[in-house]
Amino acid sequence: MSDEGFGAIMSSLDAPLIVVTAAEAGEKAGCLVGFHGQSSIEPARYCVWLSKANHTYRVALGSTHLAIHFLTTADLWLAERFGTLTGDSTDKFAGLPARPGPGRVPVLEQCRHWLVARRGTLLDEGGDHVCMITEPVAVHAGGPFEPLRLSQAAHLEPGHGSRERHSPPTERAARSRTPGTTA
């Protein structure tokens, strides 16, 4: 199979971008996501694929809920913040208004289009991303909108490469458990 051919087809699809947030044991995380989609009408289900390299993935493993924020063409700055910084060393939520949603997951107040979903089945087929199948429990639709697309954010450099893996589950959590260190 040609990796070049697969890449050409996938980039032609020009996926809409979302920001996924998670929280677990007082730790918040969020990342820019291009792999996502509705997977069932009845019952309603939505899937997000998180990179194993991301801090958000490691926090989401222990979270009960995810918030899925649908970005508009005016939200490139949010895509940059959540897509280029790493939560391993940066608090992406600093100075950013967010309120706790179901499961205490942070809901970004700047986003008018979001859903909060209970995390369900996890599917890991050994690739660099893991599928989290979710069940929506709260939604806010701010009216029709033009989604921010991958092609509009293609210039952004990700905070982690796809081949990176981390242990322990989150570095900031590990520091907070080590005597004499701060998170």
Protein backbone atom coordinates (compact mmCIF):
# COMPACT_ATOMS: atom_id res chain seq x y z
CA MET A 1 0.00 0.00 0.00
CA SER A 2 1.17 3.53 -0.73
CA ASP A 3 1.39 5.77 2.34
CA GLU A 4 1.50 8.71 -0.07
CA GLY A 5 -1.81 7.67 -1.68
CA PHE A 6 -3.51 7.16 1.67
CA GLY A 7 -2.30 10.57 2.86
CA ALA A 8 -3.50 12.26 -0.31
CA ILE A 9 -7.01 10.84 0.06
CA MET A 10 -7.23 11.65 3.78
CA SER A 11 -6.01 15.24 3.34
CA SER A 12 -8.59 15.76 0.60
CA LEU A 13 -11.35 15.10 3.12
CA ASP A 14 -10.41 18.30 5.04
CA ALA A 15 -11.85 17.25 8.39
CA PRO A 16 -13.46 19.74 10.77
CA LEU A 17 -11.40 20.34 13.93
CA ILE A 18 -12.53 20.00 17.52
CA VAL A 19 -10.98 20.56 20.93
CA VAL A 20 -11.47 17.70 23.40
CA THR A 21 -11.13 18.39 27.11
CA ALA A 22 -10.92 15.94 30.00
CA ALA A 23 -10.44 16.07 33.77
CA GLU A 24 -9.39 13.50 36.32
CA ALA A 25 -8.37 13.91 39.99
CA GLY A 26 -8.25 17.70 39.64
CA GLU A 27 -6.06 17.61 36.54
CA LYS A 28 -7.42 19.26 33.37
CA ALA A 29 -6.29 18.58 29.83
CA GLY A 30 -7.30 19.47 26.30
CA CYS A 31 -6.10 18.91 22.75
CA LEU A 32 -6.92 19.65 19.14
CA VAL A 33 -8.46 16.64 17.38
CA GLY A 34 -9.06 15.93 13.71
CA PHE A 35 -10.17 12.29 14.02
CA HIS A 36 -13.79 12.20 15.24
CA GLY A 37 -17.34 11.49 14.14
CA GLN A 38 -20.86 10.42 14.97
CA SER A 39 -21.01 6.64 15.16
CA SER A 40 -24.67 5.95 16.02
CA ILE A 41 -28.03 7.71 15.78
CA GLU A 42 -29.96 5.59 18.29
CA PRO A 43 -28.54 5.46 20.82
CA ALA A 44 -26.51 8.60 20.15
CA ARG A 45 -22.75 7.94 20.11
CA TYR A 46 -19.76 10.07 19.17
CA CYS A 47 -16.19 8.81 18.71
CA VAL A 48 -12.97 10.70 19.22
CA TRP A 49 -9.52 9.34 18.49
CA LEU A 50 -6.84 10.70 20.83
CA SER A 51 -3.12 10.50 20.21
CA LYS A 52 -1.24 8.30 22.67
CA ALA A 53 1.46 11.00 22.72
CA ASN A 54 -0.87 13.64 24.18
CA HIS A 55 -1.28 14.62 27.81
CA THR A 56 -5.04 14.74 27.14
CA TYR A 57 -5.10 11.05 26.24
CA ARG A 58 -3.46 10.13 29.54
CA VAL A 59 -5.88 12.26 31.56
CA ALA A 60 -8.86 10.98 29.53
CA LEU A 61 -7.98 7.40 30.47
CA GLY A 62 -9.07 8.17 34.03
CA SER A 63 -11.89 10.58 33.25
CA THR A 64 -15.58 9.74 33.19
CA HIS A 65 -16.55 12.42 30.65
CA LEU A 66 -15.11 14.30 27.69
CA ALA A 67 -16.15 17.71 26.40
CA ILE A 68 -16.10 17.99 22.63
CA HIS A 69 -15.91 21.57 21.34
CA PHE A 70 -16.72 22.16 17.67
CA LEU A 71 -14.50 24.97 16.39
CA THR A 72 -15.64 27.65 13.97
CA THR A 73 -13.55 29.55 11.44
CA ALA A 74 -13.17 32.28 14.11
CA ASP A 75 -11.58 29.80 16.56
CA LEU A 76 -8.17 29.37 14.93
CA TRP A 77 -6.60 30.83 18.09
CA LEU A 78 -8.12 27.99 20.15
CA ALA A 79 -6.81 25.45 17.64
CA GLU A 80 -3.37 27.00 18.00
CA ARG A 81 -3.51 26.98 21.81
CA PHE A 82 -4.75 23.39 22.13
CA GLY A 83 -2.85 22.03 19.14
CA THR A 84 0.64 23.47 19.46
CA LEU A 85 1.24 23.51 23.21
CA THR A 86 1.81 20.38 25.27
CA GLY A 87 -0.09 19.89 28.51
CA ASP A 88 2.95 18.09 29.89
CA SER A 89 4.56 21.45 30.62
CA THR A 90 1.86 24.08 29.92
CA ASP A 91 -1.47 24.84 31.55
CA LYS A 92 -3.54 25.38 28.40
CA PHE A 93 -6.45 26.62 30.54
CA ALA A 94 -4.52 29.50 32.20
CA GLY A 95 -6.55 32.68 31.69
CA LEU A 96 -9.14 30.84 29.62
CA PRO A 97 -12.73 30.91 30.91
CA ALA A 98 -14.01 27.36 31.40
CA ARG A 99 -16.76 25.98 33.58
CA PRO A 100 -17.17 22.47 34.93
CA GLY A 101 -19.63 20.34 32.99
CA PRO A 102 -20.93 16.86 33.77
CA GLY A 103 -18.16 14.77 35.33
CA ARG A 104 -16.32 18.05 36.16
CA VAL A 105 -14.96 18.17 32.60
CA PRO A 106 -13.95 21.71 31.54
CA VAL A 107 -16.31 23.32 29.03
CA LEU A 108 -14.69 26.22 27.16
CA GLU A 109 -16.89 29.29 27.42
CA GLN A 110 -15.63 30.70 24.10
CA CYS A 111 -17.07 27.75 22.18
CA ARG A 112 -20.73 28.07 21.28
CA HIS A 113 -21.00 24.51 19.93
CA TRP A 114 -20.15 21.65 22.25
CA LEU A 115 -21.25 18.38 23.73
CA VAL A 116 -20.26 16.63 26.91
CA ALA A 117 -20.23 12.87 26.68
CA ARG A 118 -19.80 9.99 29.10
CA ARG A 119 -16.74 8.01 28.17
CA GLY A 120 -17.61 4.47 27.17
CA THR A 121 -15.71 1.85 25.24
CA LEU A 122 -12.03 2.31 24.50
CA LEU A 123 -10.70 0.79 21.28
CA ASP A 124 -6.93 0.42 20.89
CA GLU A 125 -5.85 -1.50 17.80
CA GLY A 126 -2.18 -0.72 18.35
CA GLY A 127 -1.94 2.47 16.29
CA ASP A 128 -0.80 5.88 17.46
CA HIS A 129 -4.40 6.93 18.31
CA VAL A 130 -7.04 5.33 20.52
CA CYS A 131 -10.78 5.53 19.85
CA MET A 132 -13.00 6.60 22.74
CA ILE A 133 -16.64 5.85 22.06
CA THR A 134 -18.81 8.28 24.00
CA GLU A 135 -22.45 8.78 24.93
CA PRO A 136 -23.60 12.43 24.77
CA VAL A 137 -25.20 13.66 28.02
CA ALA A 138 -25.30 17.45 27.45
CA VAL A 139 -25.16 19.57 24.31
CA HIS A 140 -25.19 23.22 23.32
CA ALA A 141 -25.78 24.25 19.72
CA GLY A 142 -25.19 27.94 19.08
CA GLY A 143 -26.85 27.92 15.66
CA PRO A 144 -25.45 27.21 12.20
CA PHE A 145 -21.69 27.68 11.82
CA GLU A 146 -18.81 27.18 9.44
CA PRO A 147 -16.42 24.64 10.99
CA LEU A 148 -12.70 25.27 11.22
CA ARG A 149 -11.11 22.74 8.87
CA LEU A 150 -7.76 20.99 8.87
CA SER A 151 -6.62 22.94 5.80
CA GLN A 152 -7.13 26.20 7.69
CA ALA A 153 -4.87 25.04 10.54
CA ALA A 154 -2.36 22.99 8.53
CA HIS A 155 0.42 25.47 9.35
CA LEU A 156 0.26 24.68 13.09
CA GLU A 157 3.09 22.54 14.51
CA PRO A 158 1.82 19.92 17.00
CA GLY A 159 3.14 19.91 20.56
CA HIS A 160 4.01 16.17 20.25
CA GLY A 161 5.01 13.90 17.40
CA SER A 162 2.76 10.91 16.68
CA ARG A 163 5.44 8.41 17.67
CA GLU A 164 5.98 9.73 21.20
CA ARG A 165 4.76 7.67 24.16
CA HIS A 166 4.78 8.60 27.84
CA SER A 167 5.03 6.84 31.16
CA PRO A 168 3.80 7.42 33.89
CA PRO A 169 0.28 8.26 32.71
CA THR A 170 0.89 12.02 33.18
CA GLU A 171 4.15 13.72 34.02
CA ARG A 172 2.51 16.55 36.01
CA ALA A 173 0.63 13.98 38.09
CA ALA A 174 3.87 12.10 38.76
CA ARG A 175 5.61 15.33 39.90
CA SER A 176 2.72 16.16 42.24
CA ARG A 177 3.08 12.74 43.92
CA THR A 178 6.85 13.09 44.40
CA PRO A 179 7.82 14.61 47.79
CA GLY A 180 9.50 17.99 47.46
CA THR A 181 8.13 18.80 43.99
CA THR A 182 5.23 20.91 42.79
CA ALA A 183 2.76 20.40 39.99
